[in-house]
Amino acid sequence: MGAFIKPPNKIPLFLKLGIWISQKVTGKDLLVAKLLSWYPKAAVGSAILESFVAHRDKDIDERILKLIRMQASFSACCPFCIDMNSFEFEKQGITMEELKALQGTLNLAEVTTFSKREVLAIEYARLISRTPLGFPREFIDELRENFKEREIVILASTVAQVNYWARLIQALGIPPAGFSEQCIVQNNLTK
């Protein structure tokens, strides 16, 4: 099944530029960019959010950022997000065993290859992604012992950004864009 709605016939020129940039960055013709053209304020706001969220940072390595994006995607059960955020996970040294832990088919504590910081970041992503929100004091104390304040803000804003996209994309019925192997998306949705 495709998206719930079709893109508008006429897209404002300034949004066409944004769609073109999105295509250059991702290498894909992303339907979400076109659908947001129905409400240009949402398109611009979403583009700004995406452009300012951490993709690389001097304090938090790319592997942790990849892990929390993947975890938030799996937590939201968003096929598009899983597809996009799991793309080339192997390049960050993420193993199939670690992938299973992110998918929830293997207990996180059973995976010995995650560092202490990675486990905390993944657990934080899970807490941020669940409803209702709740953050045990003991967990926050441990998070603060292992991450600087700036790093905690980066973790929280990155996971919140994935959750924003997951809910928006699913609310519009947008299917995966074909970044990753389908088995990653299918494995999560059949658990």
Protein backbone atom coordinates (compact mmCIF):
# COMPACT_ATOMS: atom_id res chain seq x y z
CA MET A 1 0.00 0.00 0.00
CA GLY A 2 1.25 3.45 -0.85
CA ALA A 3 0.93 6.74 0.96
CA PHE A 4 -2.51 7.84 2.11
CA ILE A 5 -2.42 10.93 -0.14
CA LYS A 6 -0.77 12.00 -3.38
CA PRO A 7 1.67 14.91 -3.70
CA PRO A 8 0.21 18.21 -4.89
CA ASN A 9 0.30 18.90 -8.62
CA LYS A 10 2.00 22.26 -8.04
CA ILE A 11 4.91 22.52 -5.64
CA PRO A 12 6.25 25.99 -4.78
CA LEU A 13 9.65 26.72 -6.31
CA PHE A 14 11.42 27.13 -2.96
CA LEU A 15 10.18 23.68 -1.92
CA LYS A 16 11.28 22.20 -5.24
CA LEU A 17 14.78 23.38 -4.34
CA GLY A 18 14.51 21.63 -0.96
CA ILE A 19 13.28 18.43 -2.64
CA TRP A 20 16.21 18.59 -5.05
CA ILE A 21 18.67 19.00 -2.14
CA SER A 22 17.02 16.07 -0.35
CA GLN A 23 17.49 13.94 -3.47
CA LYS A 24 21.16 14.92 -3.73
CA VAL A 25 21.85 14.15 -0.06
CA THR A 26 19.95 10.84 0.13
CA GLY A 27 20.20 9.62 -3.45
CA LYS A 28 16.45 8.91 -3.27
CA ASP A 29 13.30 10.65 -4.44
CA LEU A 30 11.71 10.92 -0.99
CA LEU A 31 7.93 10.99 -1.06
CA VAL A 32 7.73 12.65 2.36
CA ALA A 33 9.32 15.84 1.00
CA LYS A 34 6.71 16.06 -1.73
CA LEU A 35 3.77 15.31 0.56
CA LEU A 36 4.83 18.00 3.02
CA SER A 37 4.45 20.46 0.14
CA TRP A 38 0.73 20.45 0.87
CA TYR A 39 1.60 22.57 3.92
CA PRO A 40 4.82 24.52 3.21
CA LYS A 41 5.28 25.54 6.86
CA ALA A 42 5.51 21.85 7.81
CA ALA A 43 7.96 21.24 4.96
CA VAL A 44 10.22 24.13 6.00
CA GLY A 45 10.00 23.31 9.72
CA SER A 46 10.81 19.66 9.08
CA ALA A 47 13.75 20.60 6.85
CA ILE A 48 15.14 22.94 9.50
CA LEU A 49 14.76 20.28 12.20
CA GLU A 50 16.58 17.73 10.03
CA SER A 51 19.39 20.12 9.14
CA PHE A 52 20.19 21.06 12.75
CA VAL A 53 20.08 17.68 14.45
CA ALA A 54 23.37 15.90 15.13
CA HIS A 55 24.58 13.56 12.44
CA ARG A 56 28.23 13.90 13.46
CA ASP A 57 29.67 15.34 16.63
CA LYS A 58 33.05 15.75 18.28
CA ASP A 59 31.85 14.29 21.61
CA ILE A 60 29.60 11.40 20.57
CA ASP A 61 30.89 8.95 18.01
CA GLU A 62 28.90 8.14 14.90
CA ARG A 63 28.31 4.57 16.06
CA ILE A 64 26.32 5.75 19.10
CA LEU A 65 24.33 8.15 16.93
CA LYS A 66 23.58 5.31 14.49
CA LEU A 67 22.59 2.96 17.33
CA ILE A 68 20.13 5.42 18.86
CA ARG A 69 18.61 6.31 15.47
CA MET A 70 18.12 2.62 14.76
CA GLN A 71 16.74 1.97 18.25
CA ALA A 72 14.23 4.82 17.99
CA SER A 73 13.17 3.53 14.56
CA PHE A 74 12.63 -0.01 15.87
CA SER A 75 10.86 1.29 18.98
CA ALA A 76 8.41 3.24 16.80
CA CYS A 77 8.02 0.25 14.42
CA CYS A 78 8.38 2.68 11.50
CA PRO A 79 9.35 0.75 8.33
CA PHE A 80 10.54 3.91 6.54
CA CYS A 81 12.68 4.97 9.53
CA ILE A 82 14.09 1.47 10.01
CA ASP A 83 14.93 1.40 6.32
CA MET A 84 16.66 4.78 6.32
CA ASN A 85 18.36 4.67 9.72
CA SER A 86 19.60 1.09 9.35
CA PHE A 87 21.18 1.77 5.97
CA GLU A 88 24.79 0.57 5.96
CA PHE A 89 24.73 -0.22 9.68
CA GLU A 90 27.71 -2.52 9.12
CA LYS A 91 29.89 0.53 8.36
CA GLN A 92 29.56 1.51 12.02
CA GLY A 93 30.65 -1.97 13.11
CA ILE A 94 27.14 -2.96 14.16
CA THR A 95 26.88 -6.75 14.14
CA MET A 96 23.87 -8.95 13.43
CA GLU A 97 23.76 -9.83 17.13
CA GLU A 98 23.64 -6.13 18.03
CA LEU A 99 20.95 -5.60 15.38
CA LYS A 100 18.85 -8.32 17.02
CA ALA A 101 19.20 -6.54 20.37
CA LEU A 102 18.02 -3.27 18.80
CA GLN A 103 15.08 -5.13 17.24
CA GLY A 104 14.20 -6.58 20.63
CA THR A 105 14.66 -10.21 19.60
CA LEU A 106 17.75 -10.55 21.81
CA ASN A 107 18.14 -9.17 25.33
CA LEU A 108 20.39 -6.10 25.36
CA ALA A 109 22.25 -7.44 28.42
CA GLU A 110 23.24 -10.58 26.47
CA VAL A 111 25.24 -8.59 23.90
CA THR A 112 28.78 -8.20 25.18
CA THR A 113 30.05 -6.07 22.30
CA PHE A 114 28.19 -2.91 23.34
CA SER A 115 30.17 -0.45 25.46
CA LYS A 116 28.69 0.89 28.70
CA ARG A 117 27.94 4.22 26.98
CA GLU A 118 26.27 2.45 24.06
CA VAL A 119 24.01 0.42 26.37
CA LEU A 120 23.01 3.57 28.25
CA ALA A 121 22.35 5.46 25.01
CA ILE A 122 20.22 2.60 23.66
CA GLU A 123 18.27 2.35 26.92
CA TYR A 124 17.77 6.14 26.87
CA ALA A 125 16.48 5.91 23.28
CA ARG A 126 14.01 3.25 24.39
CA LEU A 127 12.80 5.37 27.31
CA ILE A 128 12.39 8.45 25.09
CA SER A 129 10.49 6.41 22.49
CA ARG A 130 7.95 4.75 24.72
CA THR A 131 4.57 5.93 25.88
CA PRO A 132 4.03 7.07 28.54
CA LEU A 133 7.38 8.72 29.05
CA GLY A 134 9.15 7.89 32.26
CA PHE A 135 12.76 8.25 33.36
CA PRO A 136 13.77 6.40 36.53
CA ARG A 137 15.98 8.53 38.79
CA GLU A 138 18.60 5.76 39.07
CA PHE A 139 18.88 5.58 35.28
CA ILE A 140 19.25 9.37 34.92
CA ASP A 141 21.95 9.36 37.61
CA GLU A 142 23.86 6.68 35.69
CA LEU A 143 23.35 8.55 32.41
CA ARG A 144 24.77 11.72 33.99
CA GLU A 145 27.78 9.79 35.30
CA ASN A 146 28.64 8.58 31.78
CA PHE A 147 27.61 11.48 29.53
CA LYS A 148 28.24 15.21 29.71
CA GLU A 149 25.24 17.55 29.69
CA ARG A 150 25.84 18.49 26.05
CA GLU A 151 25.96 14.82 25.07
CA ILE A 152 22.65 14.12 26.85
CA VAL A 153 21.01 16.93 24.89
CA ILE A 154 22.42 15.49 21.65
CA LEU A 155 21.11 12.02 22.52
CA ALA A 156 17.66 13.30 23.51
CA SER A 157 17.24 15.61 20.51
CA THR A 158 18.43 12.95 18.06
CA VAL A 159 16.00 10.34 19.38
CA ALA A 160 13.17 12.90 19.54
CA GLN A 161 13.87 13.82 15.92
CA VAL A 162 13.59 10.19 14.80
CA ASN A 163 10.35 9.89 16.77
CA TYR A 164 9.00 13.03 15.07
CA TRP A 165 9.76 11.59 11.62
CA ALA A 166 8.41 8.15 12.56
CA ARG A 167 5.07 9.52 13.60
CA LEU A 168 4.78 11.93 10.68
CA ILE A 169 5.80 9.35 8.09
CA GLN A 170 3.48 6.68 9.48
CA ALA A 171 0.61 9.17 9.77
CA LEU A 172 0.96 9.82 6.03
CA GLY A 173 1.33 6.11 5.16
CA ILE A 174 4.72 6.54 3.50
CA PRO A 175 6.38 3.19 2.64
CA PRO A 176 10.13 2.47 2.95
CA ALA A 177 12.30 4.24 0.37
CA GLY A 178 14.60 1.29 -0.33
CA PHE A 179 17.76 2.24 1.57
CA SER A 180 18.29 -1.07 3.38
CA GLU A 181 17.58 -4.71 2.79
CA GLN A 182 13.89 -5.44 3.33
CA CYS A 183 14.73 -8.25 5.76
CA ILE A 184 15.67 -5.67 8.42
CA VAL A 185 12.24 -4.04 8.20
CA GLN A 186 10.38 -7.36 7.92
CA ASN A 187 12.26 -8.92 10.85
CA ASN A 188 11.21 -6.08 13.12
CA LEU A 189 7.59 -6.09 12.06
CA THR A 190 7.17 -9.84 12.53
CA LYS A 191 8.48 -9.99 16.09
